[in-house]
Amino acid sequence: MRNHVSQITPAQGHMLRRLDDGPSRDSVGLHTGELATDELRHCLELHALGLVSAAIGWRDTCWFRLTASGRRIGRQLPA
């Protein structure tokens, strides 16, 4: 499935912008402890679309980061 900007909800777009913490090589993303319940749900939706990756880190924390597609689409969205 190809992801299109028009398919992203405003709340998902907000989450893509929030996860965009700078250049991809320096990006650490956000861990679940920094996310409200709705934001966590949006991260999971974006993960299913291939726009966000999830990784387990130190002390079994779960981190969400933008994929290359997520970063590209997030930057195409209106502010």
PDB file of N, CA and C in Angstrom:
ATOM      1  N   MET A   1       0.840  -1.185   0.000  1.00  0.00           N
ATOM      2  CA  MET A   1       0.000   0.000   0.000  1.00  0.00           C
ATOM      3  C   MET A   1       0.877   1.238   0.000  1.00  0.00           C
ATOM      4  N   ARG A   2       0.561   2.130  -0.864  1.00  0.00           N
ATOM      5  CA  ARG A   2       1.311   3.372  -0.941  1.00  0.00           C
ATOM      6  C   ARG A   2       0.644   4.403  -0.037  1.00  0.00           C
ATOM      7  N   ASN A   3       1.440   5.083   0.776  1.00  0.00           N
ATOM      8  CA  ASN A   3       0.895   6.061   1.707  1.00  0.00           C
ATOM      9  C   ASN A   3       0.788   7.418   1.043  1.00  0.00           C
ATOM     10  N   HIS A   4      -0.358   8.041   1.191  1.00  0.00           N
ATOM     11  CA  HIS A   4      -0.606   9.349   0.629  1.00  0.00           C
ATOM     12  C   HIS A   4      -0.923  10.326   1.743  1.00  0.00           C
ATOM     13  N   VAL A   5      -0.490  11.536   1.571  1.00  0.00           N
ATOM     14  CA  VAL A   5      -0.714  12.583   2.561  1.00  0.00           C
ATOM     15  C   VAL A   5      -2.196  12.720   2.871  1.00  0.00           C
ATOM     16  N   SER A   6      -3.050  12.591   1.885  1.00  0.00           N
ATOM     17  CA  SER A   6      -4.490  12.777   2.078  1.00  0.00           C
ATOM     18  C   SER A   6      -5.114  11.699   2.964  1.00  0.00           C
ATOM     19  N   GLN A   7      -4.438  10.573   3.167  1.00  0.00           N
ATOM     20  CA  GLN A   7      -4.972   9.493   3.989  1.00  0.00           C
ATOM     21  C   GLN A   7      -4.626   9.653   5.469  1.00  0.00           C
ATOM     22  N   ILE A   8      -3.805  10.611   5.799  1.00  0.00           N
ATOM     23  CA  ILE A   8      -3.365  10.815   7.177  1.00  0.00           C
ATOM     24  C   ILE A   8      -4.359  11.733   7.885  1.00  0.00           C
ATOM     25  N   THR A   9      -4.844  11.294   9.042  1.00  0.00           N
ATOM     26  CA  THR A   9      -5.765  12.125   9.808  1.00  0.00           C
ATOM     27  C   THR A   9      -5.003  13.284  10.442  1.00  0.00           C
ATOM     28  N   PRO A  10      -5.708  14.349  10.826  1.00  0.00           N
ATOM     29  CA  PRO A  10      -5.017  15.463  11.499  1.00  0.00           C
ATOM     30  C   PRO A  10      -4.265  15.014  12.762  1.00  0.00           C
ATOM     31  N   ALA A  11      -4.850  14.121  13.530  1.00  0.00           N
ATOM     32  CA  ALA A  11      -4.184  13.647  14.746  1.00  0.00           C
ATOM     33  C   ALA A  11      -2.928  12.839  14.411  1.00  0.00           C
ATOM     34  N   GLN A  12      -2.995  12.029  13.368  1.00  0.00           N
ATOM     35  CA  GLN A  12      -1.814  11.275  12.936  1.00  0.00           C
ATOM     36  C   GLN A  12      -0.743  12.226  12.417  1.00  0.00           C
ATOM     37  N   GLY A  13      -1.164  13.266  11.705  1.00  0.00           N
ATOM     38  CA  GLY A  13      -0.218  14.266  11.214  1.00  0.00           C
ATOM     39  C   GLY A  13       0.489  14.966  12.357  1.00  0.00           C
ATOM     40  N   HIS A  14      -0.255  15.293  13.402  1.00  0.00           N
ATOM     41  CA  HIS A  14       0.348  15.908  14.589  1.00  0.00           C
ATOM     42  C   HIS A  14       1.411  14.973  15.182  1.00  0.00           C
ATOM     43  N   MET A  15       1.098  13.678  15.225  1.00  0.00           N
ATOM     44  CA  MET A  15       2.047  12.714  15.780  1.00  0.00           C
ATOM     45  C   MET A  15       3.288  12.595  14.905  1.00  0.00           C
ATOM     46  N   LEU A  16       3.118  12.624  13.593  1.00  0.00           N
ATOM     47  CA  LEU A  16       4.284  12.586  12.701  1.00  0.00           C
ATOM     48  C   LEU A  16       5.183  13.798  12.939  1.00  0.00           C
ATOM     49  N   ARG A  17       4.577  14.963  13.103  1.00  0.00           N
ATOM     50  CA  ARG A  17       5.373  16.172  13.363  1.00  0.00           C
ATOM     51  C   ARG A  17       6.045  16.094  14.733  1.00  0.00           C
ATOM     52  N   ARG A  18       5.353  15.546  15.710  1.00  0.00           N
ATOM     53  CA  ARG A  18       5.939  15.434  17.054  1.00  0.00           C
ATOM     54  C   ARG A  18       7.125  14.470  17.066  1.00  0.00           C
ATOM     55  N   LEU A  19       7.041  13.414  16.286  1.00  0.00           N
ATOM     56  CA  LEU A  19       8.139  12.443  16.225  1.00  0.00           C
ATOM     57  C   LEU A  19       9.325  12.932  15.399  1.00  0.00           C
ATOM     58  N   ASP A  20       9.134  13.972  14.617  1.00  0.00           N
ATOM     59  CA  ASP A  20      10.217  14.502  13.779  1.00  0.00           C
ATOM     60  C   ASP A  20      11.124  15.370  14.646  1.00  0.00           C
ATOM     61  N   ASP A  21      12.130  14.738  15.230  1.00  0.00           N
ATOM     62  CA  ASP A  21      13.014  15.423  16.172  1.00  0.00           C
ATOM     63  C   ASP A  21      14.361  15.800  15.565  1.00  0.00           C
ATOM     64  N   GLY A  22      14.393  15.968  14.262  1.00  0.00           N
ATOM     65  CA  GLY A  22      15.625  16.404  13.609  1.00  0.00           C
ATOM     66  C   GLY A  22      16.052  15.425  12.532  1.00  0.00           C
ATOM     67  N   PRO A  23      17.297  15.542  12.096  1.00  0.00           N
ATOM     68  CA  PRO A  23      17.803  14.661  11.035  1.00  0.00           C
ATOM     69  C   PRO A  23      17.676  13.188  11.422  1.00  0.00           C
ATOM     70  N   SER A  24      17.372  12.345  10.465  1.00  0.00           N
ATOM     71  CA  SER A  24      17.136  10.926  10.758  1.00  0.00           C
ATOM     72  C   SER A  24      18.322  10.256  11.442  1.00  0.00           C
ATOM     73  N   ARG A  25      19.525  10.651  11.107  1.00  0.00           N
ATOM     74  CA  ARG A  25      20.700  10.006  11.719  1.00  0.00           C
ATOM     75  C   ARG A  25      20.815  10.314  13.207  1.00  0.00           C
ATOM     76  N   ASP A  26      20.196  11.410  13.669  1.00  0.00           N
ATOM     77  CA  ASP A  26      20.257  11.799  15.080  1.00  0.00           C
ATOM     78  C   ASP A  26      18.950  11.530  15.823  1.00  0.00           C
ATOM     79  N   SER A  27      17.939  11.053  15.125  1.00  0.00           N
ATOM     80  CA  SER A  27      16.615  10.890  15.710  1.00  0.00           C
ATOM     81  C   SER A  27      16.596   9.773  16.750  1.00  0.00           C
ATOM     82  N   VAL A  28      16.015  10.067  17.903  1.00  0.00           N
ATOM     83  CA  VAL A  28      15.825   9.039  18.925  1.00  0.00           C
ATOM     84  C   VAL A  28      14.349   8.697  19.086  1.00  0.00           C
ATOM     85  N   GLY A  29      13.460   9.567  18.642  1.00  0.00           N
ATOM     86  CA  GLY A  29      12.032   9.329  18.761  1.00  0.00           C
ATOM     87  C   GLY A  29      11.527   9.612  20.161  1.00  0.00           C
ATOM     88  N   LEU A  30      10.415   8.974  20.495  1.00  0.00           N
ATOM     89  CA  LEU A  30       9.783   9.143  21.807  1.00  0.00           C
ATOM     90  C   LEU A  30       9.498   7.777  22.402  1.00  0.00           C
ATOM     91  N   HIS A  31       9.645   7.673  23.721  1.00  0.00           N
ATOM     92  CA  HIS A  31       9.281   6.405  24.352  1.00  0.00           C
ATOM     93  C   HIS A  31       7.868   6.499  24.897  1.00  0.00           C
ATOM     94  N   THR A  32       7.265   5.363  25.133  1.00  0.00           N
ATOM     95  CA  THR A  32       5.855   5.313  25.490  1.00  0.00           C
ATOM     96  C   THR A  32       5.526   6.121  26.736  1.00  0.00           C
ATOM     97  N   GLY A  33       6.474   6.284  27.640  1.00  0.00           N
ATOM     98  CA  GLY A  33       6.247   7.071  28.841  1.00  0.00           C
ATOM     99  C   GLY A  33       6.035   8.545  28.564  1.00  0.00           C
ATOM    100  N   GLU A  34       6.416   9.001  27.375  1.00  0.00           N
ATOM    101  CA  GLU A  34       6.247  10.403  26.982  1.00  0.00           C
ATOM    102  C   GLU A  34       4.953  10.637  26.216  1.00  0.00           C
ATOM    103  N   LEU A  35       4.154   9.583  26.018  1.00  0.00           N
ATOM    104  CA  LEU A  35       2.977   9.670  25.162  1.00  0.00           C
ATOM    105  C   LEU A  35       1.688   9.520  25.955  1.00  0.00           C
ATOM    106  N   ALA A  36       0.710  10.344  25.620  1.00  0.00           N
ATOM    107  CA  ALA A  36      -0.639  10.179  26.159  1.00  0.00           C
ATOM    108  C   ALA A  36      -1.270   8.959  25.484  1.00  0.00           C
ATOM    109  N   THR A  37      -2.347   8.464  26.034  1.00  0.00           N
ATOM    110  CA  THR A  37      -3.012   7.273  25.491  1.00  0.00           C
ATOM    111  C   THR A  37      -3.395   7.454  24.029  1.00  0.00           C
ATOM    112  N   ASP A  38      -3.981   8.606  23.673  1.00  0.00           N
ATOM    113  CA  ASP A  38      -4.353   8.846  22.277  1.00  0.00           C
ATOM    114  C   ASP A  38      -3.129   8.893  21.370  1.00  0.00           C
ATOM    115  N   GLU A  39      -2.041   9.502  21.854  1.00  0.00           N
ATOM    116  CA  GLU A  39      -0.814   9.571  21.047  1.00  0.00           C
ATOM    117  C   GLU A  39      -0.247   8.173  20.822  1.00  0.00           C
ATOM    118  N   LEU A  40      -0.302   7.339  21.828  1.00  0.00           N
ATOM    119  CA  LEU A  40       0.163   5.962  21.682  1.00  0.00           C
ATOM    120  C   LEU A  40      -0.669   5.229  20.628  1.00  0.00           C
ATOM    121  N   ARG A  41      -1.971   5.429  20.658  1.00  0.00           N
ATOM    122  CA  ARG A  41      -2.850   4.814  19.656  1.00  0.00           C
ATOM    123  C   ARG A  41      -2.482   5.289  18.249  1.00  0.00           C
ATOM    124  N   HIS A  42      -2.206   6.584  18.099  1.00  0.00           N
ATOM    125  CA  HIS A  42      -1.828   7.117  16.788  1.00  0.00           C
ATOM    126  C   HIS A  42      -0.481   6.544  16.332  1.00  0.00           C
ATOM    127  N   CYS A  43       0.450   6.374  17.256  1.00  0.00           N
ATOM    128  CA  CYS A  43       1.734   5.753  16.896  1.00  0.00           C
ATOM    129  C   CYS A  43       1.522   4.335  16.394  1.00  0.00           C
ATOM    130  N   LEU A  44       0.640   3.601  17.042  1.00  0.00           N
ATOM    131  CA  LEU A  44       0.369   2.228  16.608  1.00  0.00           C
ATOM    132  C   LEU A  44      -0.296   2.205  15.237  1.00  0.00           C
ATOM    133  N   GLU A  45      -1.207   3.150  14.983  1.00  0.00           N
ATOM    134  CA  GLU A  45      -1.832   3.246  13.656  1.00  0.00           C
ATOM    135  C   GLU A  45      -0.775   3.557  12.590  1.00  0.00           C
ATOM    136  N   LEU A  46       0.107   4.500  12.905  1.00  0.00           N
ATOM    137  CA  LEU A  46       1.168   4.874  11.958  1.00  0.00           C
ATOM    138  C   LEU A  46       2.167   3.747  11.769  1.00  0.00           C
ATOM    139  N   HIS A  47       2.394   2.967  12.806  1.00  0.00           N
ATOM    140  CA  HIS A  47       3.261   1.796  12.701  1.00  0.00           C
ATOM    141  C   HIS A  47       2.659   0.794  11.718  1.00  0.00           C
ATOM    142  N   ALA A  48       1.354   0.587  11.806  1.00  0.00           N
ATOM    143  CA  ALA A  48       0.675  -0.334  10.886  1.00  0.00           C
ATOM    144  C   ALA A  48       0.767   0.142   9.440  1.00  0.00           C
ATOM    145  N   LEU A  49       0.882   1.453   9.245  1.00  0.00           N
ATOM    146  CA  LEU A  49       1.016   2.019   7.899  1.00  0.00           C
ATOM    147  C   LEU A  49       2.472   2.056   7.423  1.00  0.00           C
ATOM    148  N   GLY A  50       3.398   1.669   8.284  1.00  0.00           N
ATOM    149  CA  GLY A  50       4.806   1.679   7.919  1.00  0.00           C
ATOM    150  C   GLY A  50       5.455   3.051   8.016  1.00  0.00           C
ATOM    151  N   LEU A  51       4.815   3.979   8.711  1.00  0.00           N
ATOM    152  CA  LEU A  51       5.346   5.341   8.827  1.00  0.00           C
ATOM    153  C   LEU A  51       6.122   5.562  10.119  1.00  0.00           C
ATOM    154  N   VAL A  52       5.972   4.647  11.060  1.00  0.00           N
ATOM    155  CA  VAL A  52       6.655   4.734  12.349  1.00  0.00           C
ATOM    156  C   VAL A  52       7.212   3.356  12.672  1.00  0.00           C
ATOM    157  N   SER A  53       8.420   3.314  13.206  1.00  0.00           N
ATOM    158  CA  SER A  53       8.992   2.048  13.658  1.00  0.00           C
ATOM    159  C   SER A  53       8.927   1.993  15.180  1.00  0.00           C
ATOM    160  N   ALA A  54       8.893   0.800  15.717  1.00  0.00           N
ATOM    161  CA  ALA A  54       8.888   0.589  17.159  1.00  0.00           C
ATOM    162  C   ALA A  54      10.090  -0.282  17.513  1.00  0.00           C
ATOM    163  N   ALA A  55      10.766   0.081  18.592  1.00  0.00           N
ATOM    164  CA  ALA A  55      11.933  -0.688  19.023  1.00  0.00           C
ATOM    165  C   ALA A  55      11.940  -0.750  20.549  1.00  0.00           C
ATOM    166  N   ILE A  56      12.431  -1.851  21.070  1.00  0.00           N
ATOM    167  CA  ILE A  56      12.569  -2.007  22.512  1.00  0.00           C
ATOM    168  C   ILE A  56      13.974  -1.562  22.898  1.00  0.00           C
ATOM    169  N   GLY A  57      14.033  -0.694  23.890  1.00  0.00           N
ATOM    170  CA  GLY A  57      15.317  -0.145  24.331  1.00  0.00           C
ATOM    171  C   GLY A  57      15.667  -0.558  25.751  1.00  0.00           C
ATOM    172  N   TRP A  58      16.531   0.229  26.351  1.00  0.00           N
ATOM    173  CA  TRP A  58      17.035  -0.023  27.694  1.00  0.00           C
ATOM    174  C   TRP A  58      15.880  -0.181  28.674  1.00  0.00           C
ATOM    175  N   ARG A  59      15.985  -1.157  29.549  1.00  0.00           N
ATOM    176  CA  ARG A  59      14.965  -1.459  30.550  1.00  0.00           C
ATOM    177  C   ARG A  59      13.591  -1.714  29.928  1.00  0.00           C
ATOM    178  N   ASP A  60      13.612  -2.325  28.757  1.00  0.00           N
ATOM    179  CA  ASP A  60      12.394  -2.727  28.046  1.00  0.00           C
ATOM    180  C   ASP A  60      11.445  -1.581  27.723  1.00  0.00           C
ATOM    181  N   THR A  61      11.984  -0.374  27.529  1.00  0.00           N
ATOM    182  CA  THR A  61      11.139   0.734  27.090  1.00  0.00           C
ATOM    183  C   THR A  61      10.895   0.596  25.591  1.00  0.00           C
ATOM    184  N   CYS A  62       9.719   0.981  25.166  1.00  0.00           N
ATOM    185  CA  CYS A  62       9.364   0.942  23.749  1.00  0.00           C
ATOM    186  C   CYS A  62       9.512   2.346  23.183  1.00  0.00           C
ATOM    187  N   TRP A  63      10.238   2.452  22.084  1.00  0.00           N
ATOM    188  CA  TRP A  63      10.513   3.739  21.426  1.00  0.00           C
ATOM    189  C   TRP A  63       9.882   3.748  20.045  1.00  0.00           C
ATOM    190  N   PHE A  64       9.273   4.878  19.694  1.00  0.00           N
ATOM    191  CA  PHE A  64       8.706   5.076  18.359  1.00  0.00           C
ATOM    192  C   PHE A  64       9.539   6.105  17.619  1.00  0.00           C
ATOM    193  N   ARG A  65       9.909   5.777  16.377  1.00  0.00           N
ATOM    194  CA  ARG A  65      10.673   6.682  15.504  1.00  0.00           C
ATOM    195  C   ARG A  65      10.027   6.704  14.135  1.00  0.00           C
ATOM    196  N   LEU A  66      10.235   7.793  13.439  1.00  0.00           N
ATOM    197  CA  LEU A  66       9.736   7.885  12.069  1.00  0.00           C
ATOM    198  C   LEU A  66      10.560   6.996  11.148  1.00  0.00           C
ATOM    199  N   THR A  67       9.889   6.385  10.196  1.00  0.00           N
ATOM    200  CA  THR A  67      10.594   5.724   9.104  1.00  0.00           C
ATOM    201  C   THR A  67      10.902   6.811   8.063  1.00  0.00           C
ATOM    202  N   ALA A  68      11.654   6.466   7.049  1.00  0.00           N
ATOM    203  CA  ALA A  68      11.940   7.440   5.987  1.00  0.00           C
ATOM    204  C   ALA A  68      10.641   7.928   5.350  1.00  0.00           C
ATOM    205  N   SER A  69       9.700   7.015   5.115  1.00  0.00           N
ATOM    206  CA  SER A  69       8.400   7.404   4.539  1.00  0.00           C
ATOM    207  C   SER A  69       7.629   8.305   5.493  1.00  0.00           C
ATOM    208  N   GLY A  70       7.650   7.975   6.771  1.00  0.00           N
ATOM    209  CA  GLY A  70       6.957   8.796   7.756  1.00  0.00           C
ATOM    210  C   GLY A  70       7.518  10.200   7.833  1.00  0.00           C
ATOM    211  N   ARG A  71       8.838  10.305   7.760  1.00  0.00           N
ATOM    212  CA  ARG A  71       9.489  11.624   7.789  1.00  0.00           C
ATOM    213  C   ARG A  71       9.105  12.424   6.539  1.00  0.00           C
ATOM    214  N   ARG A  72       9.118  11.769   5.386  1.00  0.00           N
ATOM    215  CA  ARG A  72       8.779  12.455   4.122  1.00  0.00           C
ATOM    216  C   ARG A  72       7.320  12.923   4.148  1.00  0.00           C
ATOM    217  N   ILE A  73       6.416  12.039   4.511  1.00  0.00           N
ATOM    218  CA  ILE A  73       4.994  12.390   4.525  1.00  0.00           C
ATOM    219  C   ILE A  73       4.710  13.454   5.581  1.00  0.00           C
ATOM    220  N   GLY A  74       5.297  13.311   6.749  1.00  0.00           N
ATOM    221  CA  GLY A  74       5.092  14.300   7.801  1.00  0.00           C
ATOM    222  C   GLY A  74       5.512  15.702   7.390  1.00  0.00           C
ATOM    223  N   ARG A  75       6.570  15.785   6.616  1.00  0.00           N
ATOM    224  CA  ARG A  75       7.063  17.085   6.174  1.00  0.00           C
ATOM    225  C   ARG A  75       6.243  17.668   5.015  1.00  0.00           C
ATOM    226  N   GLN A  76       5.415  16.846   4.384  1.00  0.00           N
ATOM    227  CA  GLN A  76       4.539  17.302   3.318  1.00  0.00           C
ATOM    228  C   GLN A  76       3.205  17.830   3.852  1.00  0.00           C
ATOM    229  N   LEU A  77       2.897  17.502   5.086  1.00  0.00           N
ATOM    230  CA  LEU A  77       1.619  17.905   5.675  1.00  0.00           C
ATOM    231  C   LEU A  77       1.595  19.386   6.008  1.00  0.00           C
ATOM    232  N   PRO A  78       0.423  20.011   5.906  1.00  0.00           N
ATOM    233  CA  PRO A  78       0.327  21.418   6.328  1.00  0.00           C
ATOM    234  C   PRO A  78       0.512  21.529   7.840  1.00  0.00           C
ATOM    235  N   ALA A  79       1.081  22.619   8.264  1.00  0.00           N
ATOM    236  CA  ALA A  79       1.355  22.823   9.710  1.00  0.00           C
ATOM    237  C   ALA A  79       0.130  23.032  10.535  1.00  0.00           C
TER     238      ALA A  79
END
